Structure formats: structure tokens, C-alpha cells
């Protein structure tokens, strides 16, 4: 399946709300990504992303229509040489290899556009597909912290995958 990464646009709002307002998407993301995800939250998300230069988040598109997002989020203070990778794809596109191909593109974008030396991701233990996509993209499991996260009323282990700038 052919996809492209591009900057988010205000015109992406309807697709963003349609696909992001999904409990199965929310279950694989931090609580900072709200559920339900309505037009007001979608507009705030797009406005926040567009206010950053360079943009931290890119739209994942097929035929120029948003089907997900992927981003690198630079950290501050003593973590300033790190960025966190986050991503999601609309449920109808799961299992099609899109994220496995989008991750290396976003890693290259992150290292080219931000003063960082490490990009990390923290997929949930139940999200095996995400872990495999990260490993396929050269990320290595750096740590597994027991029951440090609390999501949907249960404790989860925190898995930390990372890739370093060569």
C-alpha cells in the first residue's frame, strides 16, 4: 500500500476525527491523546502541530487523505538530546506494513531536523505489532520496567525501544 508523509492541514480535520475517535486507537496511545476525539479536540491538535517549526508530527496519507499520524517529540532539560516517537494508523489500515515503512522515514526526519542523538518509543506490552515494527526499523529494547504505567484501570509494564543517530 502506497502512502506518503506530509504536513498536517486544516483540511485533514474530518479524517482525523473519523479515524482518531476510536477506542482501539486510544488503547494504544497515552492518555494525552483523548477519547472521545471530537472536532474541537482535532482542531486543537492540528493547531498545536502547525504552531511548531519544524513540525513534530506528519500526516500519514493515502491518495492525499489522512489515515494516521507519526511524530517525534523533542524533550527538554537533561533529556534534550532525545525525542519520543509516537504514531497511530486508522484501524482499517492495520496489518498492512504502513507503520513499518513510516518509522524509518520519521527517524530520518527527526535526526535531520532536530538536535537529537536518540529517538525512543514506548509501545504497550499488548501491542506486539508496534514492537515488531520498531524492531524491523532498527530500534532495540533498552529497558522493560515492571508495572510503571497505569492505563484503562490497570498497571502495564513500560517497554522502552530506542535508536541512536549513527
N, C-alpha and C. Protein backbone atom coordinates (compact mmCIF):
# COMPACT_ATOMS: atom_id res chain seq x y z
N UNK A 1 0.85 -1.17 0.00
CA UNK A 1 0.00 0.00 0.00
C UNK A 1 0.89 1.24 0.00
N UNK A 2 0.65 2.13 -0.95
CA UNK A 2 1.49 3.32 -1.10
C UNK A 2 0.93 4.45 -0.24
N UNK A 3 1.80 4.98 0.59
CA UNK A 3 1.43 6.09 1.47
C UNK A 3 2.50 7.15 1.36
N UNK A 4 2.19 8.34 1.86
CA UNK A 4 3.16 9.43 1.93
C UNK A 4 3.03 10.11 3.27
N UNK A 5 4.12 10.73 3.70
CA UNK A 5 4.12 11.60 4.87
C UNK A 5 4.11 13.04 4.37
N UNK A 6 3.31 13.87 5.01
CA UNK A 6 3.28 15.29 4.69
C UNK A 6 2.83 16.06 5.92
N UNK A 7 2.96 17.38 5.85
CA UNK A 7 2.49 18.22 6.95
C UNK A 7 0.98 18.10 7.11
N UNK A 8 0.53 18.22 8.34
CA UNK A 8 -0.91 18.27 8.60
C UNK A 8 -1.50 19.53 7.99
N UNK A 9 -2.77 19.46 7.64
CA UNK A 9 -3.50 20.60 7.09
C UNK A 9 -4.82 20.73 7.85
N UNK A 10 -5.35 21.93 7.86
CA UNK A 10 -6.66 22.13 8.47
C UNK A 10 -7.72 21.27 7.79
N UNK A 11 -7.54 21.02 6.50
CA UNK A 11 -8.50 20.20 5.74
C UNK A 11 -8.46 18.72 6.15
N UNK A 12 -7.50 18.33 6.99
CA UNK A 12 -7.43 16.95 7.48
C UNK A 12 -8.39 16.68 8.63
N UNK A 13 -9.06 17.71 9.13
CA UNK A 13 -9.85 17.59 10.34
C UNK A 13 -10.89 16.47 10.28
N UNK A 14 -11.65 16.37 9.20
CA UNK A 14 -12.72 15.36 9.18
C UNK A 14 -12.15 13.94 9.22
N UNK A 15 -11.09 13.68 8.47
CA UNK A 15 -10.47 12.34 8.51
C UNK A 15 -9.84 12.08 9.87
N UNK A 16 -9.21 13.11 10.44
CA UNK A 16 -8.59 12.98 11.75
C UNK A 16 -9.62 12.55 12.78
N UNK A 17 -10.75 13.24 12.81
CA UNK A 17 -11.79 12.91 13.78
C UNK A 17 -12.38 11.54 13.49
N UNK A 18 -12.65 11.26 12.23
CA UNK A 18 -13.22 9.96 11.85
C UNK A 18 -12.37 8.80 12.34
N UNK A 19 -11.06 8.89 12.12
CA UNK A 19 -10.18 7.76 12.44
C UNK A 19 -9.67 7.78 13.89
N UNK A 20 -9.42 8.97 14.43
CA UNK A 20 -8.84 9.05 15.78
C UNK A 20 -9.88 8.80 16.87
N UNK A 21 -11.15 9.00 16.57
CA UNK A 21 -12.21 8.78 17.56
C UNK A 21 -12.54 7.28 17.61
N UNK A 22 -11.58 6.51 18.08
CA UNK A 22 -11.68 5.05 18.07
C UNK A 22 -11.02 4.55 19.36
N UNK A 23 -11.76 3.86 20.16
CA UNK A 23 -11.24 3.35 21.44
C UNK A 23 -10.03 2.45 21.23
N UNK A 24 -9.99 1.71 20.13
CA UNK A 24 -8.84 0.84 19.86
C UNK A 24 -7.57 1.64 19.58
N UNK A 25 -7.72 2.83 18.99
CA UNK A 25 -6.56 3.72 18.81
C UNK A 25 -6.14 4.25 20.18
N UNK A 26 -7.09 4.77 20.94
CA UNK A 26 -6.82 5.30 22.28
C UNK A 26 -6.13 4.27 23.17
N UNK A 27 -6.52 3.02 23.07
CA UNK A 27 -5.94 1.97 23.92
C UNK A 27 -4.45 1.75 23.68
N UNK A 28 -3.93 2.22 22.55
CA UNK A 28 -2.52 2.05 22.23
C UNK A 28 -1.71 3.33 22.36
N UNK A 29 -2.35 4.41 22.82
CA UNK A 29 -1.68 5.70 22.96
C UNK A 29 -1.74 6.17 24.41
N UNK A 30 -0.98 7.20 24.72
CA UNK A 30 -1.05 7.77 26.06
C UNK A 30 -2.39 8.48 26.24
N UNK A 31 -2.73 8.76 27.48
CA UNK A 31 -3.99 9.44 27.76
C UNK A 31 -3.99 10.89 27.27
N UNK A 32 -2.84 11.42 26.89
CA UNK A 32 -2.79 12.76 26.31
C UNK A 32 -3.54 12.81 24.98
N UNK A 33 -3.69 11.67 24.33
CA UNK A 33 -4.48 11.56 23.11
C UNK A 33 -5.89 11.19 23.55
N UNK A 34 -6.82 12.14 23.49
CA UNK A 34 -8.11 11.97 24.17
C UNK A 34 -9.08 11.00 23.48
N UNK A 35 -9.97 10.48 24.28
CA UNK A 35 -11.11 9.72 23.77
C UNK A 35 -12.31 10.06 24.63
N UNK A 36 -13.42 10.47 24.06
CA UNK A 36 -13.64 10.59 22.61
C UNK A 36 -12.84 11.73 21.99
N UNK A 37 -12.60 11.60 20.70
CA UNK A 37 -11.83 12.56 19.93
C UNK A 37 -12.80 13.26 18.98
N UNK A 38 -13.17 14.50 19.32
CA UNK A 38 -14.17 15.22 18.53
C UNK A 38 -13.51 16.33 17.70
N UNK A 39 -14.33 17.08 16.97
CA UNK A 39 -13.81 18.12 16.08
C UNK A 39 -13.06 19.21 16.85
N UNK A 40 -13.54 19.56 18.03
CA UNK A 40 -12.86 20.58 18.83
C UNK A 40 -11.45 20.11 19.22
N UNK A 41 -11.34 18.87 19.64
CA UNK A 41 -10.03 18.32 20.02
C UNK A 41 -9.14 18.16 18.79
N UNK A 42 -9.75 17.79 17.67
CA UNK A 42 -9.00 17.65 16.42
C UNK A 42 -8.44 18.97 15.94
N UNK A 43 -9.24 20.03 16.01
CA UNK A 43 -8.78 21.35 15.60
C UNK A 43 -7.65 21.82 16.51
N UNK A 44 -7.79 21.61 17.81
CA UNK A 44 -6.73 21.99 18.75
C UNK A 44 -5.44 21.22 18.46
N UNK A 45 -5.57 19.93 18.13
CA UNK A 45 -4.41 19.09 17.79
C UNK A 45 -3.71 19.65 16.55
N UNK A 46 -4.46 19.90 15.49
CA UNK A 46 -3.87 20.42 14.25
C UNK A 46 -3.22 21.78 14.51
N UNK A 47 -3.91 22.67 15.22
CA UNK A 47 -3.34 24.00 15.50
C UNK A 47 -2.04 23.89 16.28
N UNK A 48 -2.00 23.00 17.26
CA UNK A 48 -0.78 22.81 18.07
C UNK A 48 0.37 22.30 17.20
N UNK A 49 0.08 21.34 16.34
CA UNK A 49 1.13 20.79 15.47
C UNK A 49 1.64 21.84 14.50
N UNK A 50 0.74 22.60 13.90
CA UNK A 50 1.15 23.60 12.91
C UNK A 50 1.89 24.77 13.53
N UNK A 51 1.76 24.97 14.85
CA UNK A 51 2.46 26.07 15.51
C UNK A 51 3.94 25.77 15.74
N UNK A 52 4.34 24.52 15.63
CA UNK A 52 5.75 24.13 15.81
C UNK A 52 6.48 24.17 14.49
N UNK A 53 7.67 24.75 14.50
CA UNK A 53 8.51 24.76 13.30
C UNK A 53 9.89 24.25 13.70
N UNK A 54 10.45 23.24 13.09
CA UNK A 54 9.75 22.40 12.13
C UNK A 54 8.65 21.59 12.81
N UNK A 55 7.73 21.10 12.00
CA UNK A 55 6.61 20.32 12.54
C UNK A 55 7.13 19.03 13.18
N UNK A 56 6.60 18.71 14.35
CA UNK A 56 6.99 17.49 15.05
C UNK A 56 6.20 16.29 14.56
N UNK A 57 5.03 16.54 13.97
CA UNK A 57 4.12 15.47 13.57
C UNK A 57 3.83 15.60 12.08
N UNK A 58 3.79 14.46 11.41
CA UNK A 58 3.45 14.39 9.99
C UNK A 58 2.19 13.56 9.82
N UNK A 59 1.40 13.92 8.83
CA UNK A 59 0.23 13.11 8.47
C UNK A 59 0.70 11.92 7.65
N UNK A 60 0.14 10.76 7.92
CA UNK A 60 0.32 9.58 7.07
C UNK A 60 -0.88 9.59 6.14
N UNK A 61 -0.62 9.62 4.83
CA UNK A 61 -1.71 9.77 3.87
C UNK A 61 -1.68 8.70 2.79
N UNK A 62 -2.86 8.39 2.30
CA UNK A 62 -3.04 7.59 1.09
C UNK A 62 -3.94 8.40 0.18
N UNK A 63 -3.52 8.59 -1.06
CA UNK A 63 -4.25 9.45 -2.01
C UNK A 63 -4.52 10.82 -1.39
N UNK A 64 -3.53 11.35 -0.67
CA UNK A 64 -3.54 12.65 -0.02
C UNK A 64 -4.60 12.78 1.07
N UNK A 65 -5.15 11.65 1.53
CA UNK A 65 -6.13 11.65 2.62
C UNK A 65 -5.47 11.11 3.89
N UNK A 66 -5.60 11.83 5.00
CA UNK A 66 -5.01 11.41 6.27
C UNK A 66 -5.60 10.08 6.72
N UNK A 67 -4.69 9.15 7.07
CA UNK A 67 -5.11 7.87 7.66
C UNK A 67 -4.39 7.61 8.98
N UNK A 68 -3.59 8.57 9.43
CA UNK A 68 -2.85 8.42 10.68
C UNK A 68 -1.85 9.55 10.83
N UNK A 69 -1.08 9.48 11.90
CA UNK A 69 -0.04 10.48 12.18
C UNK A 69 1.17 9.79 12.77
N UNK A 70 2.32 10.42 12.56
CA UNK A 70 3.56 9.94 13.15
C UNK A 70 4.38 11.18 13.52
N UNK A 71 5.03 11.14 14.67
CA UNK A 71 5.78 12.31 15.09
C UNK A 71 6.95 12.00 16.00
N UNK A 72 7.86 12.95 16.05
CA UNK A 72 8.96 12.92 17.01
C UNK A 72 8.80 14.15 17.90
N UNK A 73 8.88 13.92 19.19
CA UNK A 73 8.63 14.97 20.16
C UNK A 73 9.91 15.21 20.98
N UNK A 74 10.68 16.24 20.60
CA UNK A 74 11.93 16.52 21.32
C UNK A 74 11.66 16.81 22.79
N UNK A 75 12.56 16.35 23.62
CA UNK A 75 12.47 16.53 25.06
C UNK A 75 13.31 17.74 25.48
N UNK A 76 13.22 18.09 26.74
CA UNK A 76 13.92 19.28 27.25
C UNK A 76 14.81 18.91 28.44
N UNK A 77 15.45 19.92 28.98
CA UNK A 77 16.29 19.79 30.16
C UNK A 77 17.39 18.76 29.90
N UNK A 78 17.66 17.87 30.82
CA UNK A 78 18.74 16.90 30.65
C UNK A 78 18.41 15.84 29.60
N UNK A 79 17.17 15.80 29.16
CA UNK A 79 16.75 14.86 28.12
C UNK A 79 16.76 15.50 26.72
N UNK A 80 17.34 16.69 26.61
CA UNK A 80 17.24 17.49 25.39
C UNK A 80 17.83 16.85 24.13
N UNK A 81 18.63 15.83 24.24
CA UNK A 81 19.18 15.15 23.06
C UNK A 81 18.34 13.94 22.66
N UNK A 82 17.15 13.84 23.23
CA UNK A 82 16.23 12.73 22.97
C UNK A 82 14.92 13.26 22.41
N UNK A 83 14.25 12.39 21.66
CA UNK A 83 12.89 12.68 21.19
C UNK A 83 12.09 11.40 21.28
N UNK A 84 10.81 11.55 21.60
CA UNK A 84 9.93 10.39 21.67
C UNK A 84 9.16 10.25 20.36
N UNK A 85 9.15 9.04 19.85
CA UNK A 85 8.41 8.71 18.64
C UNK A 85 7.02 8.24 19.02
N UNK A 86 6.02 8.77 18.34
CA UNK A 86 4.65 8.32 18.55
C UNK A 86 3.96 8.21 17.21
N UNK A 87 3.00 7.31 17.12
CA UNK A 87 2.31 7.10 15.84
C UNK A 87 1.02 6.35 16.05
N UNK A 88 0.15 6.49 15.07
CA UNK A 88 -1.07 5.69 15.01
C UNK A 88 -1.53 5.66 13.56
N UNK A 89 -2.21 4.60 13.22
CA UNK A 89 -2.80 4.43 11.89
C UNK A 89 -4.24 4.00 12.08
N UNK A 90 -5.12 4.49 11.23
CA UNK A 90 -6.53 4.12 11.30
C UNK A 90 -6.69 2.61 11.27
N UNK A 91 -7.61 2.11 12.06
CA UNK A 91 -7.79 0.66 12.20
C UNK A 91 -7.98 -0.08 10.88
N UNK A 92 -8.69 0.47 9.88
CA UNK A 92 -8.81 -0.27 8.62
C UNK A 92 -7.47 -0.51 7.91
N UNK A 93 -6.42 0.21 8.34
CA UNK A 93 -5.11 0.07 7.69
C UNK A 93 -4.11 -0.72 8.54
N UNK A 94 -4.56 -1.28 9.65
CA UNK A 94 -3.68 -2.09 10.48
C UNK A 94 -3.26 -3.35 9.71
N UNK A 95 -2.02 -3.79 9.97
CA UNK A 95 -1.53 -5.03 9.38
C UNK A 95 -1.11 -4.92 7.93
N UNK A 96 -0.99 -3.71 7.42
CA UNK A 96 -0.63 -3.53 6.01
C UNK A 96 0.82 -3.05 5.83
N UNK A 97 1.59 -3.01 6.92
CA UNK A 97 3.00 -2.65 6.84
C UNK A 97 3.27 -1.16 6.72
N UNK A 98 2.27 -0.34 6.90
CA UNK A 98 2.46 1.11 6.74
C UNK A 98 3.39 1.67 7.81
N UNK A 99 3.14 1.34 9.07
CA UNK A 99 3.98 1.89 10.15
C UNK A 99 5.41 1.39 10.03
N UNK A 100 5.61 0.15 9.64
CA UNK A 100 6.98 -0.38 9.48
C UNK A 100 7.77 0.42 8.46
N UNK A 101 7.08 0.99 7.48
CA UNK A 101 7.76 1.80 6.46
C UNK A 101 7.81 3.27 6.86
N UNK A 102 6.84 3.72 7.65
CA UNK A 102 6.80 5.13 8.05
C UNK A 102 7.83 5.45 9.14
N UNK A 103 8.09 4.49 10.03
CA UNK A 103 9.03 4.75 11.13
C UNK A 103 10.41 5.18 10.63
N UNK A 104 11.04 4.45 9.70
CA UNK A 104 12.37 4.90 9.24
C UNK A 104 12.35 6.29 8.60
N UNK A 105 11.27 6.62 7.91
CA UNK A 105 11.15 7.96 7.32
C UNK A 105 11.11 9.03 8.40
N UNK A 106 10.36 8.76 9.47
CA UNK A 106 10.24 9.74 10.56
C UNK A 106 11.52 9.81 11.38
N UNK A 107 12.22 8.70 11.54
CA UNK A 107 13.50 8.71 12.23
C UNK A 107 14.49 9.59 11.46
N UNK A 108 14.55 9.42 10.15
CA UNK A 108 15.44 10.25 9.33
C UNK A 108 15.04 11.72 9.45
N UNK A 109 13.75 12.01 9.38
CA UNK A 109 13.25 13.38 9.54
C UNK A 109 13.66 13.94 10.90
N UNK A 110 13.49 13.15 11.94
CA UNK A 110 13.82 13.61 13.29
C UNK A 110 15.29 13.95 13.45
N UNK A 111 16.16 13.05 12.98
CA UNK A 111 17.59 13.31 13.10
C UNK A 111 18.04 14.47 12.21
N UNK A 112 17.37 14.66 11.07
CA UNK A 112 17.73 15.76 10.17
C UNK A 112 17.24 17.12 10.67
N UNK A 113 16.15 17.16 11.41
CA UNK A 113 15.52 18.43 11.75
C UNK A 113 15.65 18.87 13.20
N UNK A 114 16.11 17.99 14.07
CA UNK A 114 16.21 18.32 15.48
C UNK A 114 17.60 17.96 16.00
N UNK A 115 18.08 18.68 16.98
CA UNK A 115 19.40 18.44 17.56
C UNK A 115 19.29 17.34 18.61
N UNK A 116 19.12 16.11 18.11
CA UNK A 116 18.94 14.95 18.98
C UNK A 116 19.90 13.84 18.56
N UNK A 117 20.16 12.93 19.48
CA UNK A 117 21.03 11.79 19.18
C UNK A 117 20.33 10.45 19.41
N UNK A 118 19.11 10.51 19.97
CA UNK A 118 18.37 9.27 20.28
C UNK A 118 16.88 9.52 20.11
N UNK A 119 16.21 8.56 19.50
CA UNK A 119 14.75 8.57 19.39
C UNK A 119 14.27 7.29 20.07
N UNK A 120 13.27 7.45 20.93
CA UNK A 120 12.75 6.29 21.65
C UNK A 120 11.24 6.20 21.50
N UNK A 121 10.73 5.01 21.74
CA UNK A 121 9.29 4.76 21.69
C UNK A 121 8.94 3.82 22.84
N UNK A 122 7.70 3.93 23.31
CA UNK A 122 7.26 3.12 24.44
C UNK A 122 5.94 2.41 24.11
N UNK A 123 5.99 1.39 23.25
CA UNK A 123 4.77 0.65 22.94
C UNK A 123 4.30 -0.15 24.15
N UNK A 124 3.01 -0.32 24.26
CA UNK A 124 2.47 -1.12 25.37
C UNK A 124 2.76 -2.60 25.13
N UNK A 125 2.89 -3.37 26.20
CA UNK A 125 3.22 -4.80 26.05
C UNK A 125 2.23 -5.58 25.19
N UNK A 126 0.96 -5.19 25.18
CA UNK A 126 -0.03 -5.90 24.38
C UNK A 126 0.06 -5.57 22.89
N UNK A 127 0.81 -4.50 22.54
CA UNK A 127 0.89 -4.07 21.15
C UNK A 127 2.11 -4.70 20.46
N UNK A 128 2.00 -5.98 20.21
CA UNK A 128 3.10 -6.74 19.60
C UNK A 128 3.44 -6.21 18.21
N UNK A 129 2.42 -5.82 17.44
CA UNK A 129 2.66 -5.32 16.08
C UNK A 129 3.55 -4.07 16.12
N UNK A 130 3.32 -3.20 17.08
CA UNK A 130 4.14 -2.00 17.20
C UNK A 130 5.57 -2.35 17.59
N UNK A 131 5.73 -3.29 18.51
CA UNK A 131 7.07 -3.71 18.90
C UNK A 131 7.82 -4.28 17.69
N UNK A 132 7.14 -5.10 16.90
CA UNK A 132 7.79 -5.69 15.71
C UNK A 132 8.15 -4.62 14.69
N UNK A 133 7.27 -3.62 14.52
CA UNK A 133 7.56 -2.54 13.57
C UNK A 133 8.80 -1.75 14.01
N UNK A 134 8.92 -1.50 15.30
CA UNK A 134 10.09 -0.80 15.82
C UNK A 134 11.36 -1.62 15.59
N UNK A 135 11.30 -2.91 15.93
CA UNK A 135 12.47 -3.78 15.75
C UNK A 135 12.87 -3.86 14.27
N UNK A 136 11.89 -3.96 13.40
CA UNK A 136 12.15 -4.02 11.96
C UNK A 136 12.83 -2.74 11.48
N UNK A 137 12.58 -1.64 12.18
CA UNK A 137 13.15 -0.34 11.81
C UNK A 137 14.47 -0.05 12.51
N UNK A 138 15.03 -1.03 13.23
CA UNK A 138 16.34 -0.87 13.85
C UNK A 138 16.32 -0.45 15.30
N UNK A 139 15.14 -0.30 15.90
CA UNK A 139 15.06 0.02 17.33
C UNK A 139 15.40 -1.22 18.15
N UNK A 140 16.03 -0.98 19.29
CA UNK A 140 16.34 -2.08 20.20
C UNK A 140 15.66 -1.83 21.54
N UNK A 141 15.28 -2.90 22.19
CA UNK A 141 14.66 -2.81 23.51
C UNK A 141 15.75 -2.45 24.52
N UNK A 142 15.68 -1.25 25.08
CA UNK A 142 16.67 -0.81 26.05
C UNK A 142 16.27 -1.15 27.48
N UNK A 143 14.95 -1.18 27.74
CA UNK A 143 14.51 -1.43 29.11
C UNK A 143 13.07 -1.93 29.14
N UNK A 144 12.79 -2.68 30.18
CA UNK A 144 11.44 -3.11 30.48
C UNK A 144 11.24 -2.87 31.97
N UNK A 145 10.37 -1.92 32.28
CA UNK A 145 10.13 -1.54 33.66
C UNK A 145 8.78 -2.09 34.10
N UNK A 146 8.81 -2.81 35.18
CA UNK A 146 7.62 -3.55 35.61
C UNK A 146 6.55 -2.63 36.21
N UNK A 147 5.37 -2.71 35.63
CA UNK A 147 4.15 -2.06 36.15
C UNK A 147 4.36 -0.59 36.52
N UNK A 148 4.94 0.18 35.60
CA UNK A 148 5.16 1.61 35.85
C UNK A 148 4.10 2.49 35.21
N UNK A 149 3.29 1.94 34.31
CA UNK A 149 2.25 2.71 33.62
C UNK A 149 0.88 2.31 34.15
N UNK A 150 -0.06 3.25 34.09
CA UNK A 150 -1.43 2.96 34.51
C UNK A 150 -2.36 3.44 33.40
N UNK A 151 -2.96 2.51 32.70
CA UNK A 151 -3.81 2.80 31.53
C UNK A 151 -5.08 1.98 31.64
N UNK A 152 -6.21 2.61 31.44
CA UNK A 152 -7.51 1.91 31.45
C UNK A 152 -7.72 1.07 32.71
N UNK A 153 -7.27 1.61 33.85
CA UNK A 153 -7.52 0.94 35.12
C UNK A 153 -6.61 -0.22 35.45
N UNK A 154 -5.52 -0.38 34.69
CA UNK A 154 -4.59 -1.47 35.02
C UNK A 154 -3.14 -1.01 34.87
N UNK A 155 -2.27 -1.66 35.63
CA UNK A 155 -0.84 -1.39 35.54
C UNK A 155 -0.27 -2.16 34.36
N UNK A 156 0.64 -1.47 33.64
CA UNK A 156 1.31 -2.07 32.49
C UNK A 156 2.81 -1.91 32.64
N UNK A 157 3.55 -2.86 32.10
CA UNK A 157 5.00 -2.71 32.02
C UNK A 157 5.31 -1.62 31.00
N UNK A 158 6.40 -0.91 31.23
CA UNK A 158 6.85 0.11 30.29
C UNK A 158 8.03 -0.45 29.50
N UNK A 159 7.84 -0.56 28.20
CA UNK A 159 8.89 -1.02 27.30
C UNK A 159 9.50 0.20 26.64
N UNK A 160 10.82 0.27 26.64
CA UNK A 160 11.50 1.42 26.04
C UNK A 160 12.40 0.92 24.91
N UNK A 161 12.00 1.24 23.69
CA UNK A 161 12.78 0.93 22.49
C UNK A 161 13.47 2.20 22.02
N UNK A 162 14.67 2.08 21.48
CA UNK A 162 15.38 3.28 21.02
C UNK A 162 16.27 2.97 19.83
N UNK A 163 16.55 4.04 19.12
CA UNK A 163 17.52 4.01 18.03
C UNK A 163 18.40 5.25 18.19
N UNK A 164 19.66 5.10 17.88
CA UNK A 164 20.59 6.22 18.06
C UNK A 164 21.13 6.67 16.72
N UNK A 165 21.41 7.97 16.66
CA UNK A 165 21.98 8.57 15.46
C UNK A 165 23.36 7.98 15.25
N UNK A 166 23.64 7.61 14.04
CA UNK A 166 24.95 6.99 13.75
C UNK A 166 26.03 8.05 13.74
